[in-house]
Amino acid sequence: MIHLGQNLGLVITGEGIENAEQAERLLALDAAKGFYFHQPGHLQKPSGQSGRDLIHST
């Protein structure tokens, strides 16, 4: 499936990669993401805006 997508000119991204074994098995991917590469960070509000402004902006 990876090579099929690449042959069609698509960028193939693997998601949910959690360990080295999975990363090694998916070396043909164009991009990859998951806990193996980076743990999620804390959500930070942009300065000068409240969370309400972000949700209800017009």
PDB file of N, CA and C in Angstrom:
ATOM      1  N   MET A   1       0.817  -1.188   0.000  1.00  0.00           N
ATOM      2  CA  MET A   1       0.000   0.000   0.000  1.00  0.00           C
ATOM      3  C   MET A   1       0.864   1.257   0.000  1.00  0.00           C
ATOM      4  N   ILE A   2       1.966   1.216   0.737  1.00  0.00           N
ATOM      5  CA  ILE A   2       2.849   2.386   0.774  1.00  0.00           C
ATOM      6  C   ILE A   2       3.374   2.691  -0.619  1.00  0.00           C
ATOM      7  N   HIS A   3       3.899   1.669  -1.281  1.00  0.00           N
ATOM      8  CA  HIS A   3       4.485   1.876  -2.605  1.00  0.00           C
ATOM      9  C   HIS A   3       3.420   2.252  -3.636  1.00  0.00           C
ATOM     10  N   LEU A   4       2.232   1.722  -3.513  1.00  0.00           N
ATOM     11  CA  LEU A   4       1.149   2.086  -4.422  1.00  0.00           C
ATOM     12  C   LEU A   4       0.863   3.579  -4.322  1.00  0.00           C
ATOM     13  N   GLY A   5       0.711   4.070  -3.114  1.00  0.00           N
ATOM     14  CA  GLY A   5       0.464   5.495  -2.924  1.00  0.00           C
ATOM     15  C   GLY A   5       1.596   6.352  -3.453  1.00  0.00           C
ATOM     16  N   GLN A   6       2.832   5.945  -3.176  1.00  0.00           N
ATOM     17  CA  GLN A   6       3.987   6.699  -3.670  1.00  0.00           C
ATOM     18  C   GLN A   6       4.041   6.691  -5.195  1.00  0.00           C
ATOM     19  N   ASN A   7       3.698   5.569  -5.807  1.00  0.00           N
ATOM     20  CA  ASN A   7       3.674   5.502  -7.273  1.00  0.00           C
ATOM     21  C   ASN A   7       2.610   6.412  -7.863  1.00  0.00           C
ATOM     22  N   LEU A   8       1.593   6.726  -7.088  1.00  0.00           N
ATOM     23  CA  LEU A   8       0.548   7.655  -7.528  1.00  0.00           C
ATOM     24  C   LEU A   8       0.922   9.105  -7.214  1.00  0.00           C
ATOM     25  N   GLY A   9       2.111   9.308  -6.652  1.00  0.00           N
ATOM     26  CA  GLY A   9       2.570  10.659  -6.359  1.00  0.00           C
ATOM     27  C   GLY A   9       2.088  11.212  -5.019  1.00  0.00           C
ATOM     28  N   LEU A  10       1.585  10.344  -4.153  1.00  0.00           N
ATOM     29  CA  LEU A  10       1.087  10.785  -2.852  1.00  0.00           C
ATOM     30  C   LEU A  10       2.199  10.754  -1.810  1.00  0.00           C
ATOM     31  N   VAL A  11       2.111  11.627  -0.812  1.00  0.00           N
ATOM     32  CA  VAL A  11       3.015  11.589   0.330  1.00  0.00           C
ATOM     33  C   VAL A  11       2.365  10.685   1.371  1.00  0.00           C
ATOM     34  N   ILE A  12       3.062   9.645   1.786  1.00  0.00           N
ATOM     35  CA  ILE A  12       2.499   8.647   2.693  1.00  0.00           C
ATOM     36  C   ILE A  12       3.031   8.891   4.109  1.00  0.00           C
ATOM     37  N   THR A  13       2.108   9.114   5.041  1.00  0.00           N
ATOM     38  CA  THR A  13       2.450   9.379   6.438  1.00  0.00           C
ATOM     39  C   THR A  13       1.901   8.267   7.319  1.00  0.00           C
ATOM     40  N   GLY A  14       2.748   7.725   8.173  1.00  0.00           N
ATOM     41  CA  GLY A  14       2.323   6.728   9.152  1.00  0.00           C
ATOM     42  C   GLY A  14       2.002   7.429  10.460  1.00  0.00           C
ATOM     43  N   GLU A  15       0.882   7.091  11.064  1.00  0.00           N
ATOM     44  CA  GLU A  15       0.479   7.688  12.330  1.00  0.00           C
ATOM     45  C   GLU A  15       0.401   6.625  13.406  1.00  0.00           C
ATOM     46  N   GLY A  16       0.639   7.033  14.649  1.00  0.00           N
ATOM     47  CA  GLY A  16       0.494   6.121  15.777  1.00  0.00           C
ATOM     48  C   GLY A  16       1.682   5.200  15.980  1.00  0.00           C
ATOM     49  N   ILE A  17       2.862   5.595  15.525  1.00  0.00           N
ATOM     50  CA  ILE A  17       4.049   4.766  15.703  1.00  0.00           C
ATOM     51  C   ILE A  17       4.532   4.933  17.141  1.00  0.00           C
ATOM     52  N   GLU A  18       4.582   3.810  17.866  1.00  0.00           N
ATOM     53  CA  GLU A  18       4.849   3.883  19.300  1.00  0.00           C
ATOM     54  C   GLU A  18       6.148   3.228  19.741  1.00  0.00           C
ATOM     55  N   ASN A  19       6.834   2.504  18.849  1.00  0.00           N
ATOM     56  CA  ASN A  19       8.085   1.859  19.273  1.00  0.00           C
ATOM     57  C   ASN A  19       9.029   1.706  18.078  1.00  0.00           C
ATOM     58  N   ALA A  20      10.287   1.342  18.400  1.00  0.00           N
ATOM     59  CA  ALA A  20      11.321   1.231  17.374  1.00  0.00           C
ATOM     60  C   ALA A  20      10.992   0.161  16.343  1.00  0.00           C
ATOM     61  N   GLU A  21      10.400  -0.937  16.773  1.00  0.00           N
ATOM     62  CA  GLU A  21      10.051  -2.013  15.833  1.00  0.00           C
ATOM     63  C   GLU A  21       9.089  -1.511  14.764  1.00  0.00           C
ATOM     64  N   GLN A  22       8.065  -0.775  15.176  1.00  0.00           N
ATOM     65  CA  GLN A  22       7.117  -0.230  14.208  1.00  0.00           C
ATOM     66  C   GLN A  22       7.816   0.750  13.270  1.00  0.00           C
ATOM     67  N   ALA A  23       8.672   1.602  13.816  1.00  0.00           N
ATOM     68  CA  ALA A  23       9.386   2.583  12.994  1.00  0.00           C
ATOM     69  C   ALA A  23      10.264   1.888  11.955  1.00  0.00           C
ATOM     70  N   GLU A  24      10.959   0.839  12.354  1.00  0.00           N
ATOM     71  CA  GLU A  24      11.825   0.109  11.434  1.00  0.00           C
ATOM     72  C   GLU A  24      11.035  -0.584  10.331  1.00  0.00           C
ATOM     73  N   ARG A  25       9.858  -1.100  10.675  1.00  0.00           N
ATOM     74  CA  ARG A  25       9.041  -1.804   9.681  1.00  0.00           C
ATOM     75  C   ARG A  25       8.448  -0.844   8.665  1.00  0.00           C
ATOM     76  N   LEU A  26       8.404   0.432   8.999  1.00  0.00           N
ATOM     77  CA  LEU A  26       7.762   1.421   8.135  1.00  0.00           C
ATOM     78  C   LEU A  26       8.759   2.429   7.571  1.00  0.00           C
ATOM     79  N   LEU A  27       9.993   1.996   7.324  1.00  0.00           N
ATOM     80  CA  LEU A  27      11.028   2.898   6.810  1.00  0.00           C
ATOM     81  C   LEU A  27      10.687   3.478   5.443  1.00  0.00           C
ATOM     82  N   ALA A  28       9.842   2.826   4.677  1.00  0.00           N
ATOM     83  CA  ALA A  28       9.501   3.301   3.333  1.00  0.00           C
ATOM     84  C   ALA A  28       8.559   4.507   3.364  1.00  0.00           C
ATOM     85  N   LEU A  29       8.020   4.847   4.525  1.00  0.00           N
ATOM     86  CA  LEU A  29       7.111   5.993   4.622  1.00  0.00           C
ATOM     87  C   LEU A  29       7.836   7.298   4.301  1.00  0.00           C
ATOM     88  N   ASP A  30       7.083   8.264   3.790  1.00  0.00           N
ATOM     89  CA  ASP A  30       7.637   9.596   3.544  1.00  0.00           C
ATOM     90  C   ASP A  30       7.710  10.404   4.839  1.00  0.00           C
ATOM     91  N   ALA A  31       6.791  10.153   5.746  1.00  0.00           N
ATOM     92  CA  ALA A  31       6.742  10.849   7.032  1.00  0.00           C
ATOM     93  C   ALA A  31       6.095   9.920   8.052  1.00  0.00           C
ATOM     94  N   ALA A  32       6.392  10.168   9.321  1.00  0.00           N
ATOM     95  CA  ALA A  32       5.813   9.338  10.377  1.00  0.00           C
ATOM     96  C   ALA A  32       5.638  10.174  11.630  1.00  0.00           C
ATOM     97  N   LYS A  33       4.629   9.817  12.426  1.00  0.00           N
ATOM     98  CA  LYS A  33       4.440  10.507  13.697  1.00  0.00           C
ATOM     99  C   LYS A  33       3.862   9.546  14.713  1.00  0.00           C
ATOM    100  N   GLY A  34       4.080   9.864  15.958  1.00  0.00           N
ATOM    101  CA  GLY A  34       3.586   9.019  17.036  1.00  0.00           C
ATOM    102  C   GLY A  34       4.406   9.218  18.292  1.00  0.00           C
ATOM    103  N   PHE A  35       4.025   8.552  19.373  1.00  0.00           N
ATOM    104  CA  PHE A  35       4.692   8.694  20.660  1.00  0.00           C
ATOM    105  C   PHE A  35       6.168   8.308  20.594  1.00  0.00           C
ATOM    106  N   TYR A  36       6.532   7.425  19.676  1.00  0.00           N
ATOM    107  CA  TYR A  36       7.934   7.022  19.550  1.00  0.00           C
ATOM    108  C   TYR A  36       8.824   8.226  19.234  1.00  0.00           C
ATOM    109  N   PHE A  37       8.305   9.152  18.454  1.00  0.00           N
ATOM    110  CA  PHE A  37       9.086  10.307  18.033  1.00  0.00           C
ATOM    111  C   PHE A  37       8.962  11.491  18.982  1.00  0.00           C
ATOM    112  N   HIS A  38       7.790  11.700  19.545  1.00  0.00           N
ATOM    113  CA  HIS A  38       7.583  12.845  20.424  1.00  0.00           C
ATOM    114  C   HIS A  38       6.321  12.651  21.246  1.00  0.00           C
ATOM    115  N   GLN A  39       6.426  12.882  22.551  1.00  0.00           N
ATOM    116  CA  GLN A  39       5.257  12.831  23.426  1.00  0.00           C
ATOM    117  C   GLN A  39       4.445  14.110  23.225  1.00  0.00           C
ATOM    118  N   PRO A  40       3.120  14.051  23.391  1.00  0.00           N
ATOM    119  CA  PRO A  40       2.316  15.261  23.244  1.00  0.00           C
ATOM    120  C   PRO A  40       2.698  16.291  24.297  1.00  0.00           C
ATOM    121  N   GLY A  41       2.643  17.546  23.919  1.00  0.00           N
ATOM    122  CA  GLY A  41       2.970  18.636  24.837  1.00  0.00           C
ATOM    123  C   GLY A  41       1.712  19.216  25.468  1.00  0.00           C
ATOM    124  N   HIS A  42       1.915  20.222  26.262  1.00  0.00           N
ATOM    125  CA  HIS A  42       0.796  20.912  26.901  1.00  0.00           C
ATOM    126  C   HIS A  42       0.207  21.940  25.937  1.00  0.00           C
ATOM    127  N   LEU A  43      -1.087  22.093  25.977  1.00  0.00           N
ATOM    128  CA  LEU A  43      -1.768  23.085  25.169  1.00  0.00           C
ATOM    129  C   LEU A  43      -1.499  24.459  25.755  1.00  0.00           C
ATOM    130  N   GLN A  44      -1.057  25.383  24.926  1.00  0.00           N
ATOM    131  CA  GLN A  44      -0.799  26.740  25.382  1.00  0.00           C
ATOM    132  C   GLN A  44      -1.631  27.701  24.565  1.00  0.00           C
ATOM    133  N   LYS A  45      -2.270  28.647  25.257  1.00  0.00           N
ATOM    134  CA  LYS A  45      -3.047  29.668  24.572  1.00  0.00           C
ATOM    135  C   LYS A  45      -2.104  30.719  23.990  1.00  0.00           C
ATOM    136  N   PRO A  46      -2.432  31.245  22.831  1.00  0.00           N
ATOM    137  CA  PRO A  46      -1.650  32.371  22.323  1.00  0.00           C
ATOM    138  C   PRO A  46      -1.794  33.555  23.279  1.00  0.00           C
ATOM    139  N   SER A  47      -0.726  34.312  23.462  1.00  0.00           N
ATOM    140  CA  SER A  47      -0.805  35.453  24.377  1.00  0.00           C
ATOM    141  C   SER A  47      -1.801  36.483  23.848  1.00  0.00           C
ATOM    142  N   GLY A  48      -2.518  37.104  24.772  1.00  0.00           N
ATOM    143  CA  GLY A  48      -3.479  38.140  24.395  1.00  0.00           C
ATOM    144  C   GLY A  48      -4.861  37.613  24.032  1.00  0.00           C
ATOM    145  N   GLN A  49      -5.051  36.315  24.035  1.00  0.00           N
ATOM    146  CA  GLN A  49      -6.364  35.753  23.708  1.00  0.00           C
ATOM    147  C   GLN A  49      -6.774  34.784  24.800  1.00  0.00           C
ATOM    148  N   SER A  50      -8.063  34.763  25.064  1.00  0.00           N
ATOM    149  CA  SER A  50      -8.565  33.769  26.007  1.00  0.00           C
ATOM    150  C   SER A  50      -9.026  32.551  25.224  1.00  0.00           C
ATOM    151  N   GLY A  51      -9.191  31.455  25.901  1.00  0.00           N
ATOM    152  CA  GLY A  51      -9.705  30.261  25.242  1.00  0.00           C
ATOM    153  C   GLY A  51     -11.063  30.501  24.615  1.00  0.00           C
ATOM    154  N   ARG A  52     -11.884  31.318  25.284  1.00  0.00           N
ATOM    155  CA  ARG A  52     -13.209  31.655  24.739  1.00  0.00           C
ATOM    156  C   ARG A  52     -13.080  32.362  23.398  1.00  0.00           C
ATOM    157  N   ASP A  53     -12.104  33.274  23.269  1.00  0.00           N
ATOM    158  CA  ASP A  53     -11.898  33.979  21.996  1.00  0.00           C
ATOM    159  C   ASP A  53     -11.539  32.999  20.879  1.00  0.00           C
ATOM    160  N   LEU A  54     -10.775  31.980  21.208  1.00  0.00           N
ATOM    161  CA  LEU A  54     -10.372  31.008  20.199  1.00  0.00           C
ATOM    162  C   LEU A  54     -11.545  30.188  19.698  1.00  0.00           C
ATOM    163  N   ILE A  55     -12.491  29.895  20.588  1.00  0.00           N
ATOM    164  CA  ILE A  55     -13.638  29.072  20.228  1.00  0.00           C
ATOM    165  C   ILE A  55     -14.711  29.895  19.523  1.00  0.00           C
ATOM    166  N   HIS A  56     -14.930  31.119  19.984  1.00  0.00           N
ATOM    167  CA  HIS A  56     -16.041  31.928  19.501  1.00  0.00           C
ATOM    168  C   HIS A  56     -15.581  33.116  18.673  1.00  0.00           C
ATOM    169  N   SER A  57     -14.484  33.019  17.968  1.00  0.00           N
ATOM    170  CA  SER A  57     -14.019  34.134  17.166  1.00  0.00           C
ATOM    171  C   SER A  57     -14.963  34.365  15.996  1.00  0.00           C
ATOM    172  N   THR A  58     -15.091  35.615  15.597  1.00  0.00           N
ATOM    173  CA  THR A  58     -15.978  35.963  14.469  1.00  0.00           C
ATOM    174  C   THR A  58     -15.226  36.667  13.380  1.00  0.00           C
TER     175      THR A  58
END
